Amino acid sequence: MADSRKDAQAVTKAMEAGKTYFKEKYDLNVEFTHHKFNPPDLGTDVGLYGHLTEDTDTEVFLLINYETFEVITVGVPEELIE
């Protein structure tokens, strides 16, 4: 992605999809605080980093395709998903 406006829109949409995913799949409310795009030659994925809304010490991670919004990988403390 070369255009910063497209980047920002992709991240915003991916964050919304990620929040919905965590809520529907794990019943968790999350806030993403930063992101990192994978290099273009590795695909169209963005890593979203953040924490639980009610517990800022509990970190979460989501790797999501910013074109299809398919979740690739999730990182959440194991005790929260058992």
PDB file of N, CA and C in Angstrom:
ATOM      1  N   MET A   1       0.847  -1.178   0.000  1.00  0.00           N
ATOM      2  CA  MET A   1       0.000   0.000   0.000  1.00  0.00           C
ATOM      3  C   MET A   1       0.888   1.235   0.000  1.00  0.00           C
ATOM      4  N   ALA A   2       0.684   2.087  -0.961  1.00  0.00           N
ATOM      5  CA  ALA A   2       1.542   3.244  -1.073  1.00  0.00           C
ATOM      6  C   ALA A   2       0.857   4.524  -0.612  1.00  0.00           C
ATOM      7  N   ASP A   3      -0.440   4.600  -0.731  1.00  0.00           N
ATOM      8  CA  ASP A   3      -1.177   5.809  -0.404  1.00  0.00           C
ATOM      9  C   ASP A   3      -1.552   5.820   1.071  1.00  0.00           C
ATOM     10  N   SER A   4      -1.143   6.873   1.777  1.00  0.00           N
ATOM     11  CA  SER A   4      -1.374   6.912   3.224  1.00  0.00           C
ATOM     12  C   SER A   4      -2.862   6.971   3.575  1.00  0.00           C
ATOM     13  N   ARG A   5      -3.680   7.585   2.736  1.00  0.00           N
ATOM     14  CA  ARG A   5      -5.121   7.620   2.996  1.00  0.00           C
ATOM     15  C   ARG A   5      -5.707   6.210   2.896  1.00  0.00           C
ATOM     16  N   LYS A   6      -5.272   5.454   1.897  1.00  0.00           N
ATOM     17  CA  LYS A   6      -5.722   4.066   1.767  1.00  0.00           C
ATOM     18  C   LYS A   6      -5.242   3.232   2.948  1.00  0.00           C
ATOM     19  N   ASP A   7      -4.014   3.486   3.385  1.00  0.00           N
ATOM     20  CA  ASP A   7      -3.468   2.789   4.556  1.00  0.00           C
ATOM     21  C   ASP A   7      -4.340   3.039   5.777  1.00  0.00           C
ATOM     22  N   ALA A   8      -4.661   4.302   6.020  1.00  0.00           N
ATOM     23  CA  ALA A   8      -5.454   4.673   7.183  1.00  0.00           C
ATOM     24  C   ALA A   8      -6.842   4.042   7.120  1.00  0.00           C
ATOM     25  N   GLN A   9      -7.456   4.046   5.950  1.00  0.00           N
ATOM     26  CA  GLN A   9      -8.776   3.438   5.794  1.00  0.00           C
ATOM     27  C   GLN A   9      -8.704   1.931   6.016  1.00  0.00           C
ATOM     28  N   ALA A  10      -7.676   1.294   5.500  1.00  0.00           N
ATOM     29  CA  ALA A  10      -7.512  -0.147   5.671  1.00  0.00           C
ATOM     30  C   ALA A  10      -7.342  -0.497   7.141  1.00  0.00           C
ATOM     31  N   VAL A  11      -6.539   0.279   7.851  1.00  0.00           N
ATOM     32  CA  VAL A  11      -6.312   0.024   9.277  1.00  0.00           C
ATOM     33  C   VAL A  11      -7.596   0.238  10.068  1.00  0.00           C
ATOM     34  N   THR A  12      -8.314   1.299   9.788  1.00  0.00           N
ATOM     35  CA  THR A  12      -9.559   1.581  10.497  1.00  0.00           C
ATOM     36  C   THR A  12     -10.555   0.438  10.310  1.00  0.00           C
ATOM     37  N   LYS A  13     -10.712  -0.011   9.073  1.00  0.00           N
ATOM     38  CA  LYS A  13     -11.641  -1.110   8.797  1.00  0.00           C
ATOM     39  C   LYS A  13     -11.169  -2.415   9.432  1.00  0.00           C
ATOM     40  N   ALA A  14      -9.872  -2.666   9.384  1.00  0.00           N
ATOM     41  CA  ALA A  14      -9.329  -3.884   9.989  1.00  0.00           C
ATOM     42  C   ALA A  14      -9.519  -3.857  11.505  1.00  0.00           C
ATOM     43  N   MET A  15      -9.333  -2.694  12.129  1.00  0.00           N
ATOM     44  CA  MET A  15      -9.528  -2.578  13.576  1.00  0.00           C
ATOM     45  C   MET A  15     -10.986  -2.829  13.954  1.00  0.00           C
ATOM     46  N   GLU A  16     -11.904  -2.303  13.182  1.00  0.00           N
ATOM     47  CA  GLU A  16     -13.320  -2.544  13.465  1.00  0.00           C
ATOM     48  C   GLU A  16     -13.651  -4.030  13.314  1.00  0.00           C
ATOM     49  N   ALA A  17     -13.137  -4.648  12.262  1.00  0.00           N
ATOM     50  CA  ALA A  17     -13.362  -6.086  12.061  1.00  0.00           C
ATOM     51  C   ALA A  17     -12.728  -6.882  13.200  1.00  0.00           C
ATOM     52  N   GLY A  18     -11.562  -6.462  13.646  1.00  0.00           N
ATOM     53  CA  GLY A  18     -10.873  -7.134  14.749  1.00  0.00           C
ATOM     54  C   GLY A  18     -11.634  -7.026  16.058  1.00  0.00           C
ATOM     55  N   LYS A  19     -12.171  -5.857  16.343  1.00  0.00           N
ATOM     56  CA  LYS A  19     -12.970  -5.670  17.561  1.00  0.00           C
ATOM     57  C   LYS A  19     -14.201  -6.568  17.527  1.00  0.00           C
ATOM     58  N   THR A  20     -14.850  -6.619  16.374  1.00  0.00           N
ATOM     59  CA  THR A  20     -16.030  -7.475  16.215  1.00  0.00           C
ATOM     60  C   THR A  20     -15.646  -8.933  16.396  1.00  0.00           C
ATOM     61  N   TYR A  21     -14.513  -9.333  15.834  1.00  0.00           N
ATOM     62  CA  TYR A  21     -14.048 -10.715  15.962  1.00  0.00           C
ATOM     63  C   TYR A  21     -13.843 -11.088  17.422  1.00  0.00           C
ATOM     64  N   PHE A  22     -13.128 -10.259  18.169  1.00  0.00           N
ATOM     65  CA  PHE A  22     -12.876 -10.562  19.580  1.00  0.00           C
ATOM     66  C   PHE A  22     -14.176 -10.626  20.375  1.00  0.00           C
ATOM     67  N   LYS A  23     -15.111  -9.743  20.072  1.00  0.00           N
ATOM     68  CA  LYS A  23     -16.374  -9.717  20.797  1.00  0.00           C
ATOM     69  C   LYS A  23     -17.197 -10.970  20.487  1.00  0.00           C
ATOM     70  N   GLU A  24     -17.299 -11.323  19.205  1.00  0.00           N
ATOM     71  CA  GLU A  24     -18.112 -12.475  18.810  1.00  0.00           C
ATOM     72  C   GLU A  24     -17.474 -13.799  19.192  1.00  0.00           C
ATOM     73  N   LYS A  25     -16.177 -13.908  19.025  1.00  0.00           N
ATOM     74  CA  LYS A  25     -15.489 -15.185  19.249  1.00  0.00           C
ATOM     75  C   LYS A  25     -15.178 -15.439  20.729  1.00  0.00           C
ATOM     76  N   TYR A  26     -14.743 -14.397  21.456  1.00  0.00           N
ATOM     77  CA  TYR A  26     -14.277 -14.572  22.831  1.00  0.00           C
ATOM     78  C   TYR A  26     -15.052 -13.742  23.856  1.00  0.00           C
ATOM     79  N   ASP A  27     -16.014 -12.955  23.401  1.00  0.00           N
ATOM     80  CA  ASP A  27     -16.769 -12.050  24.266  1.00  0.00           C
ATOM     81  C   ASP A  27     -15.835 -11.101  25.022  1.00  0.00           C
ATOM     82  N   LEU A  28     -14.869 -10.557  24.296  1.00  0.00           N
ATOM     83  CA  LEU A  28     -13.900  -9.620  24.861  1.00  0.00           C
ATOM     84  C   LEU A  28     -14.004  -8.282  24.143  1.00  0.00           C
ATOM     85  N   ASN A  29     -13.903  -7.214  24.904  1.00  0.00           N
ATOM     86  CA  ASN A  29     -13.847  -5.866  24.333  1.00  0.00           C
ATOM     87  C   ASN A  29     -12.386  -5.444  24.296  1.00  0.00           C
ATOM     88  N   VAL A  30     -11.928  -5.091  23.107  1.00  0.00           N
ATOM     89  CA  VAL A  30     -10.518  -4.736  22.941  1.00  0.00           C
ATOM     90  C   VAL A  30     -10.375  -3.344  22.353  1.00  0.00           C
ATOM     91  N   GLU A  31      -9.205  -2.796  22.571  1.00  0.00           N
ATOM     92  CA  GLU A  31      -8.824  -1.519  21.969  1.00  0.00           C
ATOM     93  C   GLU A  31      -7.461  -1.729  21.320  1.00  0.00           C
ATOM     94  N   PHE A  32      -7.374  -1.444  20.039  1.00  0.00           N
ATOM     95  CA  PHE A  32      -6.097  -1.561  19.341  1.00  0.00           C
ATOM     96  C   PHE A  32      -5.378  -0.221  19.418  1.00  0.00           C
ATOM     97  N   THR A  33      -4.107  -0.273  19.777  1.00  0.00           N
ATOM     98  CA  THR A  33      -3.348   0.958  19.987  1.00  0.00           C
ATOM     99  C   THR A  33      -2.311   1.230  18.895  1.00  0.00           C
ATOM    100  N   HIS A  34      -1.881   0.182  18.206  1.00  0.00           N
ATOM    101  CA  HIS A  34      -0.955   0.394  17.094  1.00  0.00           C
ATOM    102  C   HIS A  34      -1.036  -0.784  16.130  1.00  0.00           C
ATOM    103  N   HIS A  35      -0.406  -0.596  14.995  1.00  0.00           N
ATOM    104  CA  HIS A  35      -0.466  -1.611  13.942  1.00  0.00           C
ATOM    105  C   HIS A  35       0.863  -1.654  13.188  1.00  0.00           C
ATOM    106  N   LYS A  36       1.005  -2.729  12.430  1.00  0.00           N
ATOM    107  CA  LYS A  36       2.192  -2.868  11.582  1.00  0.00           C
ATOM    108  C   LYS A  36       1.798  -3.682  10.352  1.00  0.00           C
ATOM    109  N   PHE A  37       2.030  -3.105   9.179  1.00  0.00           N
ATOM    110  CA  PHE A  37       1.761  -3.809   7.931  1.00  0.00           C
ATOM    111  C   PHE A  37       2.860  -4.820   7.656  1.00  0.00           C
ATOM    112  N   ASN A  38       2.485  -5.988   7.171  1.00  0.00           N
ATOM    113  CA  ASN A  38       3.475  -6.932   6.660  1.00  0.00           C
ATOM    114  C   ASN A  38       4.040  -6.362   5.368  1.00  0.00           C
ATOM    115  N   PRO A  39       5.267  -6.713   5.017  1.00  0.00           N
ATOM    116  CA  PRO A  39       5.809  -6.270   3.727  1.00  0.00           C
ATOM    117  C   PRO A  39       4.886  -6.746   2.593  1.00  0.00           C
ATOM    118  N   PRO A  40       4.701  -5.932   1.567  1.00  0.00           N
ATOM    119  CA  PRO A  40       3.780  -6.281   0.474  1.00  0.00           C
ATOM    120  C   PRO A  40       4.052  -7.637  -0.176  1.00  0.00           C
ATOM    121  N   ASP A  41       5.321  -8.052  -0.210  1.00  0.00           N
ATOM    122  CA  ASP A  41       5.625  -9.343  -0.832  1.00  0.00           C
ATOM    123  C   ASP A  41       5.182 -10.524   0.041  1.00  0.00           C
ATOM    124  N   LEU A  42       4.785 -10.259   1.284  1.00  0.00           N
ATOM    125  CA  LEU A  42       4.286 -11.315   2.170  1.00  0.00           C
ATOM    126  C   LEU A  42       2.756 -11.354   2.219  1.00  0.00           C
ATOM    127  N   GLY A  43       2.108 -10.461   1.493  1.00  0.00           N
ATOM    128  CA  GLY A  43       0.655 -10.480   1.450  1.00  0.00           C
ATOM    129  C   GLY A  43       0.043  -9.168   1.897  1.00  0.00           C
ATOM    130  N   THR A  44      -1.251  -9.222   2.128  1.00  0.00           N
ATOM    131  CA  THR A  44      -2.003  -8.021   2.485  1.00  0.00           C
ATOM    132  C   THR A  44      -2.513  -8.123   3.916  1.00  0.00           C
ATOM    133  N   ASP A  45      -1.595  -8.355   4.834  1.00  0.00           N
ATOM    134  CA  ASP A  45      -1.949  -8.514   6.232  1.00  0.00           C
ATOM    135  C   ASP A  45      -1.429  -7.337   7.055  1.00  0.00           C
ATOM    136  N   VAL A  46      -2.154  -7.070   8.132  1.00  0.00           N
ATOM    137  CA  VAL A  46      -1.731  -6.043   9.078  1.00  0.00           C
ATOM    138  C   VAL A  46      -1.842  -6.637  10.482  1.00  0.00           C
ATOM    139  N   GLY A  47      -0.817  -6.412  11.284  1.00  0.00           N
ATOM    140  CA  GLY A  47      -0.842  -6.835  12.675  1.00  0.00           C
ATOM    141  C   GLY A  47      -1.421  -5.718  13.519  1.00  0.00           C
ATOM    142  N   LEU A  48      -2.412  -6.066  14.347  1.00  0.00           N
ATOM    143  CA  LEU A  48      -3.045  -5.093  15.232  1.00  0.00           C
ATOM    144  C   LEU A  48      -2.679  -5.443  16.670  1.00  0.00           C
ATOM    145  N   TYR A  49      -2.183  -4.482  17.395  1.00  0.00           N
ATOM    146  CA  TYR A  49      -1.726  -4.680  18.761  1.00  0.00           C
ATOM    147  C   TYR A  49      -2.564  -3.811  19.686  1.00  0.00           C
ATOM    148  N   GLY A  50      -2.931  -4.369  20.828  1.00  0.00           N
ATOM    149  CA  GLY A  50      -3.723  -3.593  21.761  1.00  0.00           C
ATOM    150  C   GLY A  50      -3.900  -4.300  23.082  1.00  0.00           C
ATOM    151  N   HIS A  51      -5.033  -4.021  23.735  1.00  0.00           N
ATOM    152  CA  HIS A  51      -5.286  -4.564  25.065  1.00  0.00           C
ATOM    153  C   HIS A  51      -6.789  -4.661  25.286  1.00  0.00           C
ATOM    154  N   LEU A  52      -7.156  -5.325  26.365  1.00  0.00           N
ATOM    155  CA  LEU A  52      -8.560  -5.365  26.744  1.00  0.00           C
ATOM    156  C   LEU A  52      -8.986  -3.969  27.179  1.00  0.00           C
ATOM    157  N   THR A  53     -10.209  -3.603  26.849  1.00  0.00           N
ATOM    158  CA  THR A  53     -10.704  -2.277  27.210  1.00  0.00           C
ATOM    159  C   THR A  53     -10.718  -2.085  28.718  1.00  0.00           C
ATOM    160  N   GLU A  54     -11.135  -3.126  29.450  1.00  0.00           N
ATOM    161  CA  GLU A  54     -11.270  -3.010  30.901  1.00  0.00           C
ATOM    162  C   GLU A  54      -9.997  -3.383  31.654  1.00  0.00           C
ATOM    163  N   ASP A  55      -8.959  -3.804  30.952  1.00  0.00           N
ATOM    164  CA  ASP A  55      -7.705  -4.202  31.600  1.00  0.00           C
ATOM    165  C   ASP A  55      -6.547  -3.899  30.659  1.00  0.00           C
ATOM    166  N   THR A  56      -5.980  -2.725  30.782  1.00  0.00           N
ATOM    167  CA  THR A  56      -4.936  -2.296  29.848  1.00  0.00           C
ATOM    168  C   THR A  56      -3.641  -3.091  29.980  1.00  0.00           C
ATOM    169  N   ASP A  57      -3.504  -3.882  31.039  1.00  0.00           N
ATOM    170  CA  ASP A  57      -2.314  -4.721  31.201  1.00  0.00           C
ATOM    171  C   ASP A  57      -2.413  -6.032  30.423  1.00  0.00           C
ATOM    172  N   THR A  58      -3.617  -6.398  29.985  1.00  0.00           N
ATOM    173  CA  THR A  58      -3.811  -7.646  29.244  1.00  0.00           C
ATOM    174  C   THR A  58      -3.757  -7.343  27.755  1.00  0.00           C
ATOM    175  N   GLU A  59      -2.642  -7.739  27.139  1.00  0.00           N
ATOM    176  CA  GLU A  59      -2.404  -7.429  25.737  1.00  0.00           C
ATOM    177  C   GLU A  59      -3.038  -8.457  24.807  1.00  0.00           C
ATOM    178  N   VAL A  60      -3.428  -7.981  23.617  1.00  0.00           N
ATOM    179  CA  VAL A  60      -3.980  -8.840  22.576  1.00  0.00           C
ATOM    180  C   VAL A  60      -3.305  -8.507  21.255  1.00  0.00           C
ATOM    181  N   PHE A  61      -3.386  -9.451  20.339  1.00  0.00           N
ATOM    182  CA  PHE A  61      -2.797  -9.293  19.011  1.00  0.00           C
ATOM    183  C   PHE A  61      -3.712  -9.957  17.997  1.00  0.00           C
ATOM    184  N   LEU A  62      -3.765  -9.385  16.815  1.00  0.00           N
ATOM    185  CA  LEU A  62      -4.555  -9.967  15.734  1.00  0.00           C
ATOM    186  C   LEU A  62      -3.833  -9.703  14.425  1.00  0.00           C
ATOM    187  N   LEU A  63      -3.638 -10.746  13.640  1.00  0.00           N
ATOM    188  CA  LEU A  63      -3.124 -10.590  12.281  1.00  0.00           C
ATOM    189  C   LEU A  63      -4.305 -10.798  11.359  1.00  0.00           C
ATOM    190  N   ILE A  64      -4.615  -9.786  10.563  1.00  0.00           N
ATOM    191  CA  ILE A  64      -5.811  -9.815   9.731  1.00  0.00           C
ATOM    192  C   ILE A  64      -5.486  -9.323   8.326  1.00  0.00           C
ATOM    193  N   ASN A  65      -6.124  -9.919   7.349  1.00  0.00           N
ATOM    194  CA  ASN A  65      -5.981  -9.483   5.967  1.00  0.00           C
ATOM    195  C   ASN A  65      -6.798  -8.211   5.808  1.00  0.00           C
ATOM    196  N   TYR A  66      -6.170  -7.118   5.402  1.00  0.00           N
ATOM    197  CA  TYR A  66      -6.876  -5.845   5.330  1.00  0.00           C
ATOM    198  C   TYR A  66      -7.703  -5.680   4.057  1.00  0.00           C
ATOM    199  N   GLU A  67      -7.698  -6.681   3.185  1.00  0.00           N
ATOM    200  CA  GLU A  67      -8.568  -6.633   2.010  1.00  0.00           C
ATOM    201  C   GLU A  67      -9.810  -7.507   2.201  1.00  0.00           C
ATOM    202  N   THR A  68      -9.622  -8.682   2.813  1.00  0.00           N
ATOM    203  CA  THR A  68     -10.743  -9.614   2.987  1.00  0.00           C
ATOM    204  C   THR A  68     -11.268  -9.637   4.417  1.00  0.00           C
ATOM    205  N   PHE A  69     -10.492  -9.099   5.358  1.00  0.00           N
ATOM    206  CA  PHE A  69     -10.790  -9.101   6.797  1.00  0.00           C
ATOM    207  C   PHE A  69     -10.834 -10.506   7.377  1.00  0.00           C
ATOM    208  N   GLU A  70     -10.137 -11.418   6.723  1.00  0.00           N
ATOM    209  CA  GLU A  70      -9.971 -12.771   7.257  1.00  0.00           C
ATOM    210  C   GLU A  70      -8.927 -12.723   8.369  1.00  0.00           C
ATOM    211  N   VAL A  71      -9.282 -13.299   9.519  1.00  0.00           N
ATOM    212  CA  VAL A  71      -8.356 -13.351  10.642  1.00  0.00           C
ATOM    213  C   VAL A  71      -7.363 -14.480  10.390  1.00  0.00           C
ATOM    214  N   ILE A  72      -6.079 -14.174  10.473  1.00  0.00           N
ATOM    215  CA  ILE A  72      -5.017 -15.136  10.218  1.00  0.00           C
ATOM    216  C   ILE A  72      -4.529 -15.749  11.537  1.00  0.00           C
ATOM    217  N   THR A  73      -4.218 -14.898  12.507  1.00  0.00           N
ATOM    218  CA  THR A  73      -3.678 -15.331  13.789  1.00  0.00           C
ATOM    219  C   THR A  73      -4.221 -14.438  14.897  1.00  0.00           C
ATOM    220  N   VAL A  74      -4.438 -15.060  16.055  1.00  0.00           N
ATOM    221  CA  VAL A  74      -4.925 -14.316  17.219  1.00  0.00           C
ATOM    222  C   VAL A  74      -3.991 -14.575  18.390  1.00  0.00           C
ATOM    223  N   GLY A  75      -3.695 -13.536  19.144  1.00  0.00           N
ATOM    224  CA  GLY A  75      -2.917 -13.674  20.365  1.00  0.00           C
ATOM    225  C   GLY A  75      -3.708 -13.094  21.524  1.00  0.00           C
ATOM    226  N   VAL A  76      -4.100 -13.971  22.446  1.00  0.00           N
ATOM    227  CA  VAL A  76      -4.861 -13.556  23.616  1.00  0.00           C
ATOM    228  C   VAL A  76      -4.467 -14.491  24.755  1.00  0.00           C
ATOM    229  N   PRO A  77      -4.365 -13.994  25.976  1.00  0.00           N
ATOM    230  CA  PRO A  77      -3.995 -14.870  27.094  1.00  0.00           C
ATOM    231  C   PRO A  77      -4.902 -16.110  27.157  1.00  0.00           C
ATOM    232  N   GLU A  78      -4.263 -17.253  27.313  1.00  0.00           N
ATOM    233  CA  GLU A  78      -4.977 -18.536  27.283  1.00  0.00           C
ATOM    234  C   GLU A  78      -6.094 -18.633  28.310  1.00  0.00           C
ATOM    235  N   GLU A  79      -5.888 -18.059  29.489  1.00  0.00           N
ATOM    236  CA  GLU A  79      -6.917 -18.172  30.533  1.00  0.00           C
ATOM    237  C   GLU A  79      -8.204 -17.446  30.155  1.00  0.00           C
ATOM    238  N   LEU A  80      -8.151 -16.545  29.194  1.00  0.00           N
ATOM    239  CA  LEU A  80      -9.358 -15.816  28.779  1.00  0.00           C
ATOM    240  C   LEU A  80     -10.189 -16.574  27.751  1.00  0.00           C
ATOM    241  N   ILE A  81      -9.604 -17.590  27.127  1.00  0.00           N
ATOM    242  CA  ILE A  81     -10.330 -18.299  26.077  1.00  0.00           C
ATOM    243  C   ILE A  81     -10.686 -19.717  26.439  1.00  0.00           C
ATOM    244  N   GLU A  82     -10.402 -20.125  27.660  1.00  0.00           N
ATOM    245  CA  GLU A  82     -10.726 -21.499  28.081  1.00  0.00           C
ATOM    246  C   GLU A  82     -12.203 -21.617  28.431  1.00  0.00           C
TER     247      GLU A  82
END
